[in-house]
Amino acid sequence: MRRKICIIGNSYGVSIPKEILEKLQLTPGTQVEVKVDEKAKKIIIEPSVRESFQDTVDKEFAAQVNDFIERYRPALKTLAEK
Protein backbone atom coordinates (compact mmCIF):
# COMPACT_ATOMS: atom_id res chain seq x y z
CA MET A 1 0.00 0.00 0.00
CA ARG A 2 1.56 3.26 -1.12
CA ARG A 3 1.42 6.29 1.21
CA LYS A 4 2.94 9.79 1.12
CA ILE A 5 5.09 11.36 3.78
CA CYS A 6 3.42 14.55 5.01
CA ILE A 7 4.53 17.46 7.17
CA ILE A 8 3.12 17.52 10.71
CA GLY A 9 4.36 20.62 12.51
CA ASN A 10 8.16 20.36 12.62
CA SER A 11 8.04 16.62 11.96
CA TYR A 12 6.96 14.25 9.23
CA GLY A 13 4.36 11.50 9.28
CA VAL A 14 2.60 8.78 7.34
CA SER A 15 -1.07 7.99 7.86
CA ILE A 16 -1.94 4.41 8.72
CA PRO A 17 -5.14 3.10 7.13
CA LYS A 18 -7.98 2.36 9.55
CA GLU A 19 -8.19 -1.23 8.28
CA ILE A 20 -4.61 -1.93 9.34
CA LEU A 21 -5.14 -0.40 12.78
CA GLU A 22 -8.28 -2.50 13.25
CA LYS A 23 -6.50 -5.71 12.22
CA LEU A 24 -3.79 -5.03 14.81
CA GLN A 25 -6.32 -3.82 17.41
CA LEU A 26 -4.59 -0.44 17.70
CA THR A 27 -6.51 2.68 18.67
CA PRO A 28 -5.71 6.39 18.63
CA GLY A 29 -3.30 7.12 21.44
CA THR A 30 -1.64 3.71 21.36
CA GLN A 31 2.09 4.05 22.05
CA VAL A 32 4.31 2.61 19.32
CA GLU A 33 8.02 2.07 18.88
CA VAL A 34 9.60 3.39 15.68
CA LYS A 35 12.78 1.62 14.63
CA VAL A 36 15.06 1.76 11.61
CA ASP A 37 16.60 -1.25 9.89
CA GLU A 38 19.39 0.60 8.10
CA LYS A 39 20.65 -2.49 6.30
CA ALA A 40 17.25 -3.26 4.78
CA LYS A 41 16.35 0.47 4.55
CA LYS A 42 13.08 -0.09 6.41
CA ILE A 43 11.10 1.79 9.02
CA ILE A 44 9.48 -0.54 11.54
CA ILE A 45 6.49 0.58 13.62
CA GLU A 46 5.25 -1.79 16.33
CA PRO A 47 3.13 -1.48 19.46
CA SER A 48 5.05 -0.53 22.57
CA VAL A 49 5.44 -3.27 25.14
CA ARG A 50 4.31 -0.91 27.91
CA GLU A 51 0.61 -0.98 27.05
CA SER A 52 -0.79 -1.87 30.49
CA PHE A 53 -3.19 1.10 30.51
CA GLN A 54 -4.77 -0.07 27.23
CA ASP A 55 -6.71 -2.76 29.07
CA THR A 56 -8.33 -0.20 31.37
CA VAL A 57 -9.28 2.39 28.73
CA ASP A 58 -12.55 1.85 26.89
CA LYS A 59 -11.70 1.74 23.17
CA GLU A 60 -14.96 3.39 22.11
CA PHE A 61 -14.38 6.25 24.57
CA ALA A 62 -10.81 6.69 23.33
CA ALA A 63 -12.09 6.86 19.75
CA GLN A 64 -14.68 9.47 20.74
CA VAL A 65 -12.01 11.57 22.46
CA ASN A 66 -9.80 11.32 19.38
CA ASP A 67 -12.70 12.37 17.11
CA PHE A 68 -13.39 15.34 19.40
CA ILE A 69 -9.74 16.42 19.31
CA GLU A 70 -9.59 16.13 15.52
CA ARG A 71 -12.85 18.03 15.07
CA TYR A 72 -11.94 20.88 17.43
CA ARG A 73 -8.14 20.92 16.97
CA PRO A 74 -7.97 24.59 15.81
CA ALA A 75 -10.06 25.79 18.77
CA LEU A 76 -8.09 23.65 21.22
CA LYS A 77 -4.82 24.98 19.81
CA THR A 78 -6.05 28.58 20.20
CA LEU A 79 -7.10 27.91 23.79
CA ALA A 80 -3.75 26.31 24.59
CA GLU A 81 -1.91 29.39 23.31
CA LYS A 82 -3.83 31.75 25.64
C-alpha atoms as a PDB file:
ATOM      1  CA  MET A   1       0.000   0.000   0.000  1.00  0.00           C
ATOM      2  CA  ARG A   2       1.562   3.255  -1.121  1.00  0.00           C
ATOM      3  CA  ARG A   3       1.424   6.285   1.212  1.00  0.00           C
ATOM      4  CA  LYS A   4       2.937   9.788   1.115  1.00  0.00           C
ATOM      5  CA  ILE A   5       5.087  11.364   3.778  1.00  0.00           C
ATOM      6  CA  CYS A   6       3.416  14.547   5.009  1.00  0.00           C
ATOM      7  CA  ILE A   7       4.529  17.458   7.168  1.00  0.00           C
ATOM      8  CA  ILE A   8       3.123  17.518  10.708  1.00  0.00           C
ATOM      9  CA  GLY A   9       4.358  20.621  12.510  1.00  0.00           C
ATOM     10  CA  ASN A  10       8.158  20.357  12.620  1.00  0.00           C
ATOM     11  CA  SER A  11       8.040  16.618  11.961  1.00  0.00           C
ATOM     12  CA  TYR A  12       6.958  14.248   9.226  1.00  0.00           C
ATOM     13  CA  GLY A  13       4.359  11.503   9.276  1.00  0.00           C
ATOM     14  CA  VAL A  14       2.601   8.781   7.336  1.00  0.00           C
ATOM     15  CA  SER A  15      -1.067   7.989   7.856  1.00  0.00           C
ATOM     16  CA  ILE A  16      -1.935   4.412   8.718  1.00  0.00           C
ATOM     17  CA  PRO A  17      -5.140   3.105   7.132  1.00  0.00           C
ATOM     18  CA  LYS A  18      -7.984   2.358   9.549  1.00  0.00           C
ATOM     19  CA  GLU A  19      -8.191  -1.232   8.284  1.00  0.00           C
ATOM     20  CA  ILE A  20      -4.610  -1.931   9.343  1.00  0.00           C
ATOM     21  CA  LEU A  21      -5.144  -0.398  12.777  1.00  0.00           C
ATOM     22  CA  GLU A  22      -8.285  -2.503  13.251  1.00  0.00           C
ATOM     23  CA  LYS A  23      -6.500  -5.712  12.218  1.00  0.00           C
ATOM     24  CA  LEU A  24      -3.793  -5.030  14.808  1.00  0.00           C
ATOM     25  CA  GLN A  25      -6.324  -3.815  17.407  1.00  0.00           C
ATOM     26  CA  LEU A  26      -4.590  -0.442  17.695  1.00  0.00           C
ATOM     27  CA  THR A  27      -6.509   2.676  18.671  1.00  0.00           C
ATOM     28  CA  PRO A  28      -5.713   6.390  18.628  1.00  0.00           C
ATOM     29  CA  GLY A  29      -3.302   7.118  21.442  1.00  0.00           C
ATOM     30  CA  THR A  30      -1.636   3.707  21.355  1.00  0.00           C
ATOM     31  CA  GLN A  31       2.085   4.055  22.049  1.00  0.00           C
ATOM     32  CA  VAL A  32       4.309   2.611  19.322  1.00  0.00           C
ATOM     33  CA  GLU A  33       8.018   2.066  18.876  1.00  0.00           C
ATOM     34  CA  VAL A  34       9.601   3.386  15.677  1.00  0.00           C
ATOM     35  CA  LYS A  35      12.782   1.617  14.634  1.00  0.00           C
ATOM     36  CA  VAL A  36      15.056   1.758  11.606  1.00  0.00           C
ATOM     37  CA  ASP A  37      16.597  -1.254   9.891  1.00  0.00           C
ATOM     38  CA  GLU A  38      19.391   0.599   8.096  1.00  0.00           C
ATOM     39  CA  LYS A  39      20.649  -2.490   6.305  1.00  0.00           C
ATOM     40  CA  ALA A  40      17.245  -3.259   4.781  1.00  0.00           C
ATOM     41  CA  LYS A  41      16.353   0.468   4.550  1.00  0.00           C
ATOM     42  CA  LYS A  42      13.079  -0.094   6.410  1.00  0.00           C
ATOM     43  CA  ILE A  43      11.098   1.789   9.016  1.00  0.00           C
ATOM     44  CA  ILE A  44       9.477  -0.535  11.541  1.00  0.00           C
ATOM     45  CA  ILE A  45       6.488   0.579  13.624  1.00  0.00           C
ATOM     46  CA  GLU A  46       5.254  -1.785  16.332  1.00  0.00           C
ATOM     47  CA  PRO A  47       3.127  -1.480  19.464  1.00  0.00           C
ATOM     48  CA  SER A  48       5.050  -0.526  22.574  1.00  0.00           C
ATOM     49  CA  VAL A  49       5.439  -3.269  25.140  1.00  0.00           C
ATOM     50  CA  ARG A  50       4.314  -0.912  27.913  1.00  0.00           C
ATOM     51  CA  GLU A  51       0.614  -0.984  27.054  1.00  0.00           C
ATOM     52  CA  SER A  52      -0.788  -1.873  30.488  1.00  0.00           C
ATOM     53  CA  PHE A  53      -3.191   1.105  30.510  1.00  0.00           C
ATOM     54  CA  GLN A  54      -4.773  -0.069  27.227  1.00  0.00           C
ATOM     55  CA  ASP A  55      -6.705  -2.765  29.072  1.00  0.00           C
ATOM     56  CA  THR A  56      -8.330  -0.198  31.366  1.00  0.00           C
ATOM     57  CA  VAL A  57      -9.277   2.390  28.725  1.00  0.00           C
ATOM     58  CA  ASP A  58     -12.551   1.853  26.889  1.00  0.00           C
ATOM     59  CA  LYS A  59     -11.703   1.742  23.173  1.00  0.00           C
ATOM     60  CA  GLU A  60     -14.962   3.390  22.109  1.00  0.00           C
ATOM     61  CA  PHE A  61     -14.381   6.253  24.566  1.00  0.00           C
ATOM     62  CA  ALA A  62     -10.805   6.686  23.330  1.00  0.00           C
ATOM     63  CA  ALA A  63     -12.088   6.857  19.749  1.00  0.00           C
ATOM     64  CA  GLN A  64     -14.677   9.474  20.745  1.00  0.00           C
ATOM     65  CA  VAL A  65     -12.006  11.574  22.457  1.00  0.00           C
ATOM     66  CA  ASN A  66      -9.800  11.325  19.376  1.00  0.00           C
ATOM     67  CA  ASP A  67     -12.702  12.367  17.112  1.00  0.00           C
ATOM     68  CA  PHE A  68     -13.389  15.343  19.400  1.00  0.00           C
ATOM     69  CA  ILE A  69      -9.742  16.415  19.306  1.00  0.00           C
ATOM     70  CA  GLU A  70      -9.586  16.127  15.516  1.00  0.00           C
ATOM     71  CA  ARG A  71     -12.846  18.033  15.066  1.00  0.00           C
ATOM     72  CA  TYR A  72     -11.940  20.877  17.426  1.00  0.00           C
ATOM     73  CA  ARG A  73      -8.135  20.922  16.965  1.00  0.00           C
ATOM     74  CA  PRO A  74      -7.974  24.585  15.810  1.00  0.00           C
ATOM     75  CA  ALA A  75     -10.064  25.789  18.767  1.00  0.00           C
ATOM     76  CA  LEU A  76      -8.093  23.649  21.220  1.00  0.00           C
ATOM     77  CA  LYS A  77      -4.819  24.985  19.810  1.00  0.00           C
ATOM     78  CA  THR A  78      -6.047  28.582  20.198  1.00  0.00           C
ATOM     79  CA  LEU A  79      -7.103  27.907  23.789  1.00  0.00           C
ATOM     80  CA  ALA A  80      -3.747  26.309  24.587  1.00  0.00           C
ATOM     81  CA  GLU A  81      -1.910  29.393  23.313  1.00  0.00           C
ATOM     82  CA  LYS A  82      -3.827  31.749  25.643  1.00  0.00           C
END
